[in-house]
Amino acid sequence: MAVKKDYKDQKLAEKLRDRKYYIPDSNPEFIKDVEKIGQTAAHMCYQCGTCTGSCPSAPRSSYRIRLFMRKAILGLEEEALTDPDLWLCTTCYSCTDRCPRDLAPTDAIMAMRNLAFKRDIVPRNFLQTVQLIYKSGHGVPNNDANRAARKKLGLEEEPETTHKYPEYLPGIRRILDHYKLKENADKILAEGE
């Protein structure tokens, strides 16, 4: 007897069934965009689940990379890009290392994140991290407690980063400026206030 999957969102569960490949509210170009940006043949995914089984985020959250691969294949752009779980990927590449099709699910997720960012769909904490990187070169800037811990371990107080070499910070800022990351982060955060 087959076990029926019970997704919390019944509308999404219906869309994920194989009754029609492209349903009226799907975008068949979405998978092409994901593949072009991610440089991986995501349409070749056969839903074995190895990616989700390998994922360190999956047991600790509702993140299921296989579901995102399925959304991309079916052209469910809106569902993929607006799902907050898209941002739970740690980019560890465990799924990519283990994929039996030699796909790069991590790169497909990063492509979807890029597409979401173009539509200003980004969690506030990611945008705040962009601002911190622009300011200090770090998503988590060094602080006195960390410096003391490093010193106690026999390490230099400042790690081999922009904290120690601030002359590289202008280069980081040029990259962020080139892609308008800081500008967009400031704009989106200001709109949400």
N, C-alpha and C. Protein backbone atom coordinates (compact mmCIF):
# COMPACT_ATOMS: atom_id res chain seq x y z
N MET A 1 0.84 -1.16 0.00
CA MET A 1 0.00 0.00 0.00
C MET A 1 0.89 1.24 0.00
N ALA A 2 0.66 2.14 -0.93
CA ALA A 2 1.46 3.37 -1.04
C ALA A 2 1.08 4.35 0.07
N VAL A 3 2.09 4.97 0.63
CA VAL A 3 1.86 5.97 1.66
C VAL A 3 1.73 7.33 0.97
N LYS A 4 0.67 8.04 1.28
CA LYS A 4 0.44 9.36 0.69
C LYS A 4 1.22 10.40 1.47
N LYS A 5 2.00 11.20 0.74
CA LYS A 5 2.73 12.30 1.37
C LYS A 5 1.73 13.34 1.85
N ASP A 6 1.96 13.85 3.04
CA ASP A 6 1.06 14.85 3.60
C ASP A 6 1.84 16.14 3.80
N TYR A 7 1.83 17.00 2.77
CA TYR A 7 2.45 18.31 2.91
C TYR A 7 1.49 19.22 3.66
N LYS A 8 2.01 20.08 4.48
CA LYS A 8 1.16 20.99 5.25
C LYS A 8 0.32 21.89 4.35
N ASP A 9 0.89 22.31 3.25
CA ASP A 9 0.21 23.18 2.30
C ASP A 9 -0.42 22.29 1.23
N GLN A 10 -1.73 22.09 1.31
CA GLN A 10 -2.40 21.18 0.38
C GLN A 10 -2.36 21.69 -1.06
N LYS A 11 -2.39 23.01 -1.23
CA LYS A 11 -2.29 23.57 -2.58
C LYS A 11 -0.94 23.22 -3.20
N LEU A 12 0.12 23.33 -2.42
CA LEU A 12 1.45 22.96 -2.91
C LEU A 12 1.52 21.46 -3.17
N ALA A 13 0.95 20.66 -2.29
CA ALA A 13 0.96 19.20 -2.47
C ALA A 13 0.32 18.84 -3.81
N GLU A 14 -0.76 19.51 -4.16
CA GLU A 14 -1.43 19.26 -5.44
C GLU A 14 -0.52 19.62 -6.61
N LYS A 15 0.18 20.74 -6.48
CA LYS A 15 1.07 21.17 -7.56
C LYS A 15 2.25 20.22 -7.76
N LEU A 16 2.68 19.57 -6.70
CA LEU A 16 3.84 18.69 -6.79
C LEU A 16 3.50 17.31 -7.37
N ARG A 17 2.23 17.01 -7.51
CA ARG A 17 1.83 15.75 -8.12
C ARG A 17 2.12 15.79 -9.62
N ASP A 18 2.30 14.63 -10.23
CA ASP A 18 2.69 14.55 -11.63
C ASP A 18 1.52 14.49 -12.60
N ARG A 19 0.43 15.13 -12.32
CA ARG A 19 -0.73 15.05 -13.22
C ARG A 19 -0.48 15.82 -14.51
N LYS A 20 0.09 17.01 -14.39
CA LYS A 20 0.44 17.83 -15.55
C LYS A 20 1.82 18.37 -15.28
N TYR A 21 2.64 18.41 -16.31
CA TYR A 21 4.00 18.88 -16.08
C TYR A 21 4.03 20.37 -15.84
N TYR A 22 3.41 21.16 -16.69
CA TYR A 22 3.37 22.61 -16.48
C TYR A 22 1.94 23.04 -16.23
N ILE A 23 1.67 23.37 -15.01
CA ILE A 23 0.33 23.81 -14.66
C ILE A 23 0.20 25.29 -14.97
N PRO A 24 -1.03 25.80 -15.02
CA PRO A 24 -1.23 27.19 -15.47
C PRO A 24 -0.42 28.25 -14.72
N ASP A 25 -0.19 28.09 -13.43
CA ASP A 25 0.54 29.13 -12.70
C ASP A 25 2.02 28.81 -12.52
N SER A 26 2.56 27.94 -13.37
CA SER A 26 3.99 27.67 -13.30
C SER A 26 4.72 28.40 -14.43
N ASN A 27 6.03 28.52 -14.28
CA ASN A 27 6.86 29.20 -15.25
C ASN A 27 7.87 28.21 -15.81
N PRO A 28 7.65 27.71 -17.03
CA PRO A 28 8.59 26.72 -17.60
C PRO A 28 9.99 27.28 -17.82
N GLU A 29 10.14 28.60 -17.81
CA GLU A 29 11.47 29.21 -17.98
C GLU A 29 12.26 29.21 -16.67
N PHE A 30 11.59 28.98 -15.55
CA PHE A 30 12.25 29.04 -14.25
C PHE A 30 13.41 28.05 -14.16
N ILE A 31 13.20 26.82 -14.58
CA ILE A 31 14.27 25.81 -14.50
C ILE A 31 15.44 26.23 -15.40
N LYS A 32 15.15 26.84 -16.53
CA LYS A 32 16.23 27.30 -17.42
C LYS A 32 17.04 28.40 -16.75
N ASP A 33 16.35 29.32 -16.06
CA ASP A 33 17.05 30.39 -15.34
C ASP A 33 17.92 29.81 -14.23
N VAL A 34 17.37 28.85 -13.48
CA VAL A 34 18.11 28.22 -12.39
C VAL A 34 19.35 27.52 -12.94
N GLU A 35 19.18 26.81 -14.05
CA GLU A 35 20.32 26.09 -14.63
C GLU A 35 21.37 27.04 -15.20
N LYS A 36 20.93 28.11 -15.81
CA LYS A 36 21.88 29.08 -16.38
C LYS A 36 22.71 29.75 -15.28
N ILE A 37 22.04 30.19 -14.23
CA ILE A 37 22.75 30.86 -13.14
C ILE A 37 23.57 29.86 -12.32
N GLY A 38 22.98 28.71 -12.02
CA GLY A 38 23.63 27.72 -11.17
C GLY A 38 24.63 26.82 -11.88
N GLN A 39 24.61 26.84 -13.22
CA GLN A 39 25.53 26.02 -14.01
C GLN A 39 25.46 24.54 -13.63
N THR A 40 24.24 24.04 -13.43
CA THR A 40 24.03 22.62 -13.16
C THR A 40 22.74 22.19 -13.85
N ALA A 41 22.68 20.96 -14.30
CA ALA A 41 21.52 20.44 -15.04
C ALA A 41 20.43 19.98 -14.07
N ALA A 42 19.86 20.92 -13.36
CA ALA A 42 18.88 20.61 -12.30
C ALA A 42 17.71 19.80 -12.81
N HIS A 43 17.34 19.93 -14.09
CA HIS A 43 16.21 19.17 -14.63
C HIS A 43 16.47 17.67 -14.63
N MET A 44 17.71 17.26 -14.44
CA MET A 44 18.08 15.84 -14.42
C MET A 44 17.85 15.19 -13.05
N CYS A 45 17.46 15.95 -12.07
CA CYS A 45 17.20 15.40 -10.74
C CYS A 45 16.06 14.40 -10.81
N TYR A 46 16.27 13.20 -10.27
CA TYR A 46 15.19 12.22 -10.27
C TYR A 46 14.61 11.98 -8.88
N GLN A 47 14.82 12.93 -8.00
CA GLN A 47 14.14 12.96 -6.70
C GLN A 47 14.45 11.74 -5.83
N CYS A 48 15.72 11.33 -5.80
CA CYS A 48 16.10 10.18 -4.97
C CYS A 48 16.14 10.52 -3.49
N GLY A 49 16.34 11.80 -3.17
CA GLY A 49 16.36 12.24 -1.78
C GLY A 49 17.72 12.22 -1.12
N THR A 50 18.77 11.86 -1.87
CA THR A 50 20.11 11.83 -1.29
C THR A 50 20.52 13.21 -0.77
N CYS A 51 20.12 14.25 -1.49
CA CYS A 51 20.48 15.61 -1.08
C CYS A 51 19.89 15.93 0.29
N THR A 52 18.61 15.67 0.47
CA THR A 52 17.96 15.96 1.76
C THR A 52 18.54 15.06 2.85
N GLY A 53 18.81 13.80 2.53
CA GLY A 53 19.39 12.88 3.51
C GLY A 53 20.80 13.28 3.93
N SER A 54 21.51 14.00 3.07
CA SER A 54 22.88 14.43 3.36
C SER A 54 22.94 15.79 4.03
N CYS A 55 21.84 16.50 4.04
CA CYS A 55 21.82 17.90 4.46
C CYS A 55 21.88 18.05 5.98
N PRO A 56 22.86 18.82 6.50
CA PRO A 56 22.91 19.03 7.95
C PRO A 56 21.79 19.93 8.47
N SER A 57 21.17 20.72 7.59
CA SER A 57 20.06 21.57 8.02
C SER A 57 18.75 20.81 8.12
N ALA A 58 18.59 19.78 7.31
CA ALA A 58 17.30 19.07 7.23
C ALA A 58 16.81 18.52 8.57
N PRO A 59 17.65 17.85 9.36
CA PRO A 59 17.13 17.31 10.63
C PRO A 59 16.79 18.39 11.66
N ARG A 60 17.30 19.59 11.46
CA ARG A 60 17.12 20.66 12.43
C ARG A 60 16.10 21.71 12.00
N SER A 61 15.50 21.51 10.83
CA SER A 61 14.60 22.52 10.29
C SER A 61 13.61 21.87 9.33
N SER A 62 12.83 22.70 8.68
CA SER A 62 11.89 22.21 7.68
C SER A 62 12.52 22.24 6.27
N TYR A 63 13.80 22.55 6.17
CA TYR A 63 14.48 22.67 4.88
C TYR A 63 14.60 21.30 4.21
N ARG A 64 14.13 21.21 2.97
CA ARG A 64 14.23 20.00 2.17
C ARG A 64 14.69 20.39 0.77
N ILE A 65 15.97 20.17 0.49
CA ILE A 65 16.53 20.61 -0.79
C ILE A 65 15.85 19.88 -1.95
N ARG A 66 15.46 18.63 -1.75
CA ARG A 66 14.79 17.88 -2.81
C ARG A 66 13.50 18.60 -3.23
N LEU A 67 12.80 19.17 -2.29
CA LEU A 67 11.57 19.88 -2.59
C LEU A 67 11.85 21.12 -3.44
N PHE A 68 12.96 21.79 -3.17
CA PHE A 68 13.32 22.95 -3.99
C PHE A 68 13.71 22.53 -5.41
N MET A 69 14.39 21.41 -5.53
CA MET A 69 14.73 20.91 -6.86
C MET A 69 13.44 20.58 -7.62
N ARG A 70 12.48 20.01 -6.94
CA ARG A 70 11.20 19.67 -7.56
C ARG A 70 10.45 20.94 -7.98
N LYS A 71 10.44 21.94 -7.12
CA LYS A 71 9.77 23.20 -7.46
C LYS A 71 10.40 23.81 -8.71
N ALA A 72 11.72 23.76 -8.80
CA ALA A 72 12.41 24.32 -9.97
C ALA A 72 12.03 23.55 -11.23
N ILE A 73 12.04 22.24 -11.16
CA ILE A 73 11.71 21.41 -12.33
C ILE A 73 10.28 21.67 -12.80
N LEU A 74 9.36 21.82 -11.87
CA LEU A 74 7.96 22.04 -12.22
C LEU A 74 7.65 23.50 -12.55
N GLY A 75 8.64 24.37 -12.43
CA GLY A 75 8.42 25.77 -12.76
C GLY A 75 7.66 26.54 -11.71
N LEU A 76 7.69 26.05 -10.48
CA LEU A 76 6.96 26.70 -9.38
C LEU A 76 7.82 27.83 -8.80
N GLU A 77 8.05 28.82 -9.61
CA GLU A 77 8.93 29.93 -9.26
C GLU A 77 8.46 30.68 -8.02
N GLU A 78 7.22 31.06 -7.99
CA GLU A 78 6.69 31.83 -6.87
C GLU A 78 6.85 31.05 -5.56
N GLU A 79 6.49 29.78 -5.59
CA GLU A 79 6.59 28.94 -4.39
C GLU A 79 8.03 28.77 -3.93
N ALA A 80 8.94 28.64 -4.87
CA ALA A 80 10.36 28.46 -4.51
C ALA A 80 10.97 29.74 -3.95
N LEU A 81 10.75 30.85 -4.65
CA LEU A 81 11.44 32.09 -4.28
C LEU A 81 10.87 32.75 -3.03
N THR A 82 9.63 32.47 -2.71
CA THR A 82 9.02 33.09 -1.52
C THR A 82 9.05 32.18 -0.30
N ASP A 83 9.57 30.98 -0.45
CA ASP A 83 9.66 30.06 0.68
C ASP A 83 10.85 30.46 1.57
N PRO A 84 10.61 30.81 2.83
CA PRO A 84 11.72 31.22 3.70
C PRO A 84 12.78 30.13 3.89
N ASP A 85 12.41 28.87 3.67
CA ASP A 85 13.38 27.78 3.82
C ASP A 85 14.50 27.87 2.79
N LEU A 86 14.30 28.60 1.71
CA LEU A 86 15.33 28.76 0.69
C LEU A 86 16.63 29.27 1.31
N TRP A 87 16.51 30.02 2.40
CA TRP A 87 17.66 30.67 3.02
C TRP A 87 18.28 29.83 4.13
N LEU A 88 17.82 28.57 4.32
CA LEU A 88 18.37 27.72 5.38
C LEU A 88 19.56 26.89 4.91
N CYS A 89 19.86 26.90 3.63
CA CYS A 89 21.01 26.16 3.11
C CYS A 89 22.29 26.78 3.66
N THR A 90 23.18 25.93 4.18
CA THR A 90 24.45 26.41 4.74
C THR A 90 25.56 26.46 3.70
N THR A 91 25.27 26.04 2.48
CA THR A 91 26.23 25.94 1.38
C THR A 91 27.43 25.06 1.74
N CYS A 92 27.17 23.96 2.43
CA CYS A 92 28.25 23.04 2.80
C CYS A 92 28.62 22.10 1.65
N TYR A 93 27.76 21.99 0.66
CA TYR A 93 27.96 21.16 -0.52
C TYR A 93 27.91 19.66 -0.24
N SER A 94 27.38 19.24 0.91
CA SER A 94 27.21 17.81 1.18
C SER A 94 26.30 17.16 0.14
N CYS A 95 25.24 17.85 -0.24
CA CYS A 95 24.31 17.32 -1.23
C CYS A 95 25.00 17.16 -2.59
N THR A 96 25.80 18.14 -2.94
CA THR A 96 26.51 18.10 -4.22
C THR A 96 27.54 16.97 -4.22
N ASP A 97 28.23 16.80 -3.11
CA ASP A 97 29.23 15.73 -3.01
C ASP A 97 28.61 14.35 -3.17
N ARG A 98 27.35 14.19 -2.74
CA ARG A 98 26.73 12.87 -2.71
C ARG A 98 25.71 12.61 -3.82
N CYS A 99 25.41 13.60 -4.63
CA CYS A 99 24.38 13.44 -5.65
C CYS A 99 24.77 12.35 -6.65
N PRO A 100 23.93 11.30 -6.81
CA PRO A 100 24.27 10.23 -7.75
C PRO A 100 24.20 10.66 -9.21
N ARG A 101 23.60 11.80 -9.49
CA ARG A 101 23.54 12.32 -10.87
C ARG A 101 24.64 13.33 -11.14
N ASP A 102 25.52 13.55 -10.16
CA ASP A 102 26.58 14.55 -10.27
C ASP A 102 26.03 15.95 -10.54
N LEU A 103 24.88 16.24 -9.94
CA LEU A 103 24.32 17.59 -10.02
C LEU A 103 24.88 18.40 -8.86
N ALA A 104 24.62 19.68 -8.89
CA ALA A 104 25.05 20.56 -7.80
C ALA A 104 23.81 21.25 -7.22
N PRO A 105 23.06 20.54 -6.36
CA PRO A 105 21.87 21.15 -5.76
C PRO A 105 22.18 22.45 -5.02
N THR A 106 23.34 22.53 -4.39
CA THR A 106 23.72 23.76 -3.69
C THR A 106 23.75 24.94 -4.67
N ASP A 107 24.29 24.72 -5.85
CA ASP A 107 24.36 25.78 -6.84
C ASP A 107 22.97 26.15 -7.37
N ALA A 108 22.08 25.17 -7.45
CA ALA A 108 20.69 25.46 -7.84
C ALA A 108 20.03 26.33 -6.77
N ILE A 109 20.29 26.03 -5.50
CA ILE A 109 19.74 26.84 -4.40
C ILE A 109 20.31 28.25 -4.46
N MET A 110 21.60 28.36 -4.70
CA MET A 110 22.21 29.69 -4.79
C MET A 110 21.63 30.48 -5.97
N ALA A 111 21.35 29.78 -7.06
CA ALA A 111 20.72 30.44 -8.22
C ALA A 111 19.33 30.96 -7.83
N MET A 112 18.57 30.15 -7.12
CA MET A 112 17.23 30.59 -6.69
C MET A 112 17.34 31.78 -5.73
N ARG A 113 18.34 31.76 -4.87
CA ARG A 113 18.55 32.91 -3.98
C ARG A 113 18.85 34.17 -4.78
N ASN A 114 19.67 34.04 -5.81
CA ASN A 114 19.99 35.19 -6.66
C ASN A 114 18.73 35.72 -7.34
N LEU A 115 17.88 34.81 -7.82
CA LEU A 115 16.63 35.23 -8.45
C LEU A 115 15.71 35.90 -7.43
N ALA A 116 15.69 35.37 -6.21
CA ALA A 116 14.87 35.97 -5.15
C ALA A 116 15.40 37.37 -4.82
N PHE A 117 16.71 37.50 -4.74
CA PHE A 117 17.31 38.80 -4.42
C PHE A 117 16.95 39.85 -5.47
N LYS A 118 16.90 39.44 -6.73
CA LYS A 118 16.52 40.38 -7.80
C LYS A 118 15.10 40.90 -7.60
N ARG A 119 14.29 40.14 -6.87
CA ARG A 119 12.91 40.55 -6.57
C ARG A 119 12.78 41.11 -5.15
N ASP A 120 13.89 41.39 -4.52
CA ASP A 120 13.93 41.93 -3.15
C ASP A 120 13.32 40.98 -2.12
N ILE A 121 13.43 39.68 -2.37
CA ILE A 121 12.93 38.68 -1.42
C ILE A 121 14.15 38.11 -0.70
N VAL A 122 14.49 38.74 0.42
CA VAL A 122 15.68 38.34 1.18
C VAL A 122 15.38 38.54 2.67
N PRO A 123 15.73 37.58 3.50
CA PRO A 123 15.53 37.78 4.95
C PRO A 123 16.34 38.97 5.46
N ARG A 124 15.78 39.67 6.41
CA ARG A 124 16.43 40.86 6.98
C ARG A 124 17.81 40.54 7.54
N ASN A 125 17.97 39.38 8.19
CA ASN A 125 19.27 39.06 8.78
C ASN A 125 20.37 38.93 7.71
N PHE A 126 20.02 38.48 6.52
CA PHE A 126 21.01 38.41 5.43
C PHE A 126 21.40 39.81 4.99
N LEU A 127 20.41 40.69 4.91
CA LEU A 127 20.69 42.06 4.50
C LEU A 127 21.54 42.78 5.54
N GLN A 128 21.27 42.51 6.81
CA GLN A 128 22.07 43.11 7.88
C GLN A 128 23.51 42.58 7.83
N THR A 129 23.67 41.32 7.43
CA THR A 129 25.01 40.75 7.27
C THR A 129 25.75 41.47 6.14
N VAL A 130 25.06 41.78 5.05
CA VAL A 130 25.69 42.54 3.97
C VAL A 130 26.20 43.88 4.50
N GLN A 131 25.40 44.54 5.33
CA GLN A 131 25.83 45.82 5.90
C GLN A 131 27.06 45.66 6.78
N LEU A 132 27.09 44.59 7.58
CA LEU A 132 28.26 44.34 8.44
C LEU A 132 29.51 44.05 7.61
N ILE A 133 29.34 43.27 6.55
CA ILE A 133 30.49 42.96 5.68
C ILE A 133 31.01 44.24 5.04
N TYR A 134 30.11 45.11 4.64
CA TYR A 134 30.53 46.38 4.04
C TYR A 134 31.29 47.23 5.05
N LYS A 135 30.84 47.22 6.28
CA LYS A 135 31.46 48.04 7.32
C LYS A 135 32.81 47.49 7.77
N SER A 136 32.88 46.15 7.99
CA SER A 136 34.08 45.58 8.61
C SER A 136 34.77 44.48 7.80
N GLY A 137 34.11 44.01 6.75
CA GLY A 137 34.68 42.88 6.00
C GLY A 137 34.23 41.54 6.56
N HIS A 138 33.39 41.57 7.59
CA HIS A 138 32.96 40.34 8.26
C HIS A 138 31.46 40.35 8.50
N GLY A 139 30.84 39.17 8.35
CA GLY A 139 29.45 39.03 8.73
C GLY A 139 29.29 39.01 10.24
N VAL A 140 30.32 38.53 10.93
CA VAL A 140 30.37 38.53 12.40
C VAL A 140 31.68 39.20 12.79
N PRO A 141 31.65 40.51 12.99
CA PRO A 141 32.90 41.22 13.31
C PRO A 141 33.55 40.73 14.61
N ASN A 142 34.87 40.85 14.65
CA ASN A 142 35.61 40.48 15.84
C ASN A 142 35.22 41.40 17.00
N ASN A 143 35.30 40.89 18.22
CA ASN A 143 34.97 41.71 19.39
C ASN A 143 35.96 41.40 20.51
N ASP A 144 35.86 42.11 21.61
CA ASP A 144 36.81 41.95 22.72
C ASP A 144 36.79 40.53 23.30
N ALA A 145 35.61 39.94 23.42
CA ALA A 145 35.51 38.58 23.97
C ALA A 145 36.23 37.58 23.06
N ASN A 146 36.05 37.72 21.76
CA ASN A 146 36.70 36.83 20.81
C ASN A 146 38.22 37.06 20.82
N ARG A 147 38.63 38.31 20.90
CA ARG A 147 40.07 38.61 20.95
C ARG A 147 40.71 37.96 22.18
N ALA A 148 40.03 38.05 23.33
CA ALA A 148 40.55 37.45 24.57
C ALA A 148 40.64 35.93 24.42
N ALA A 149 39.62 35.33 23.82
CA ALA A 149 39.63 33.87 23.62
C ALA A 149 40.76 33.46 22.69
N ARG A 150 40.96 34.21 21.63
CA ARG A 150 42.05 33.91 20.69
C ARG A 150 43.41 34.01 21.39
N LYS A 151 43.58 35.06 22.20
CA LYS A 151 44.83 35.27 22.92
C LYS A 151 45.08 34.12 23.88
N LYS A 152 44.03 33.69 24.59
CA LYS A 152 44.15 32.59 25.56
C LYS A 152 44.57 31.29 24.85
N LEU A 153 44.14 31.13 23.60
CA LEU A 153 44.51 29.95 22.82
C LEU A 153 45.88 30.06 22.17
N GLY A 154 46.55 31.18 22.40
CA GLY A 154 47.87 31.38 21.83
C GLY A 154 47.83 31.91 20.41
N LEU A 155 46.69 32.40 20.00
CA LEU A 155 46.55 32.97 18.66
C LEU A 155 46.69 34.49 18.73
N GLU A 156 46.95 35.09 17.58
CA GLU A 156 46.95 36.55 17.52
C GLU A 156 45.52 37.02 17.74
N GLU A 157 45.39 38.19 18.35
CA GLU A 157 44.05 38.71 18.66
C GLU A 157 43.21 38.92 17.41
N GLU A 158 43.82 39.33 16.33
CA GLU A 158 43.10 39.57 15.08
C GLU A 158 43.35 38.42 14.11
N PRO A 159 42.28 37.83 13.53
CA PRO A 159 42.48 36.75 12.56
C PRO A 159 43.04 37.30 11.25
N GLU A 160 43.49 36.41 10.40
CA GLU A 160 44.10 36.79 9.11
C GLU A 160 43.02 37.24 8.13
N THR A 161 42.35 38.31 8.48
CA THR A 161 41.24 38.83 7.68
C THR A 161 41.36 40.35 7.61
N THR A 162 40.28 41.00 7.23
CA THR A 162 40.30 42.46 7.16
C THR A 162 40.48 43.10 8.52
N HIS A 163 40.27 42.35 9.59
CA HIS A 163 40.56 42.91 10.92
C HIS A 163 42.06 43.17 11.06
N LYS A 164 42.83 42.26 10.52
CA LYS A 164 44.28 42.39 10.58
C LYS A 164 44.82 43.20 9.40
N TYR A 165 44.14 43.09 8.27
CA TYR A 165 44.58 43.77 7.05
C TYR A 165 43.47 44.67 6.52
N PRO A 166 43.20 45.77 7.19
CA PRO A 166 42.09 46.65 6.77
C PRO A 166 42.30 47.27 5.38
N GLU A 167 43.50 47.21 4.86
CA GLU A 167 43.74 47.78 3.54
C GLU A 167 42.98 47.03 2.43
N TYR A 168 42.47 45.82 2.75
CA TYR A 168 41.70 45.05 1.77
C TYR A 168 40.21 45.38 1.81
N LEU A 169 39.77 46.09 2.81
CA LEU A 169 38.36 46.44 2.94
C LEU A 169 37.83 47.25 1.75
N PRO A 170 38.58 48.21 1.20
CA PRO A 170 38.07 48.92 0.01
C PRO A 170 37.79 47.99 -1.17
N GLY A 171 38.57 46.93 -1.33
CA GLY A 171 38.32 45.96 -2.41
C GLY A 171 37.01 45.21 -2.20
N ILE A 172 36.75 44.85 -0.95
CA ILE A 172 35.49 44.17 -0.63
C ILE A 172 34.32 45.11 -0.90
N ARG A 173 34.48 46.35 -0.53
CA ARG A 173 33.42 47.34 -0.76
C ARG A 173 33.18 47.56 -2.25
N ARG A 174 34.24 47.54 -3.05
CA ARG A 174 34.07 47.70 -4.50
C ARG A 174 33.26 46.55 -5.09
N ILE A 175 33.51 45.34 -4.61
CA ILE A 175 32.74 44.18 -5.09
C ILE A 175 31.27 44.34 -4.71
N LEU A 176 31.00 44.69 -3.45
CA LEU A 176 29.62 44.88 -3.01
C LEU A 176 28.95 46.02 -3.76
N ASP A 177 29.69 47.08 -4.03
CA ASP A 177 29.15 48.21 -4.79
C ASP A 177 28.86 47.81 -6.24
N HIS A 178 29.78 47.04 -6.82
CA HIS A 178 29.60 46.61 -8.21
C HIS A 178 28.29 45.85 -8.40
N TYR A 179 27.99 44.96 -7.48
CA TYR A 179 26.75 44.16 -7.56
C TYR A 179 25.56 44.84 -6.87
N LYS A 180 25.78 46.05 -6.38
CA LYS A 180 24.75 46.84 -5.71
C LYS A 180 24.14 46.13 -4.49
N LEU A 181 24.93 45.27 -3.87
CA LEU A 181 24.43 44.53 -2.71
C LEU A 181 24.16 45.44 -1.52
N LYS A 182 25.10 46.30 -1.20
CA LYS A 182 24.92 47.22 -0.06
C LYS A 182 23.78 48.19 -0.35
N GLU A 183 23.77 48.73 -1.55
CA GLU A 183 22.72 49.68 -1.92
C GLU A 183 21.33 49.03 -1.81
N ASN A 184 21.19 47.81 -2.32
CA ASN A 184 19.91 47.10 -2.26
C ASN A 184 19.56 46.72 -0.82
N ALA A 185 20.54 46.29 -0.06
CA ALA A 185 20.29 45.94 1.34
C ALA A 185 19.77 47.15 2.11
N ASP A 186 20.43 48.29 1.92
CA ASP A 186 19.99 49.53 2.59
C ASP A 186 18.56 49.89 2.18
N LYS A 187 18.29 49.78 0.88
CA LYS A 187 16.96 50.15 0.36
C LYS A 187 15.87 49.23 0.93
N ILE A 188 16.10 47.92 0.89
CA ILE A 188 15.09 46.97 1.35
C ILE A 188 14.86 47.11 2.84
N LEU A 189 15.95 47.27 3.61
CA LEU A 189 15.80 47.43 5.06
C LEU A 189 15.07 48.72 5.41
N ALA A 190 15.33 49.78 4.66
CA ALA A 190 14.66 51.07 4.92
C ALA A 190 13.18 50.98 4.62
N GLU A 191 12.81 50.22 3.58
CA GLU A 191 11.40 50.06 3.21
C GLU A 191 10.63 49.31 4.29
N GLY A 192 11.32 48.41 4.98
CA GLY A 192 10.66 47.57 5.99
C GLY A 192 10.47 48.25 7.32
N GLU A 193 11.03 49.45 7.48
CA GLU A 193 10.94 50.15 8.77
C GLU A 193 9.63 50.87 8.94
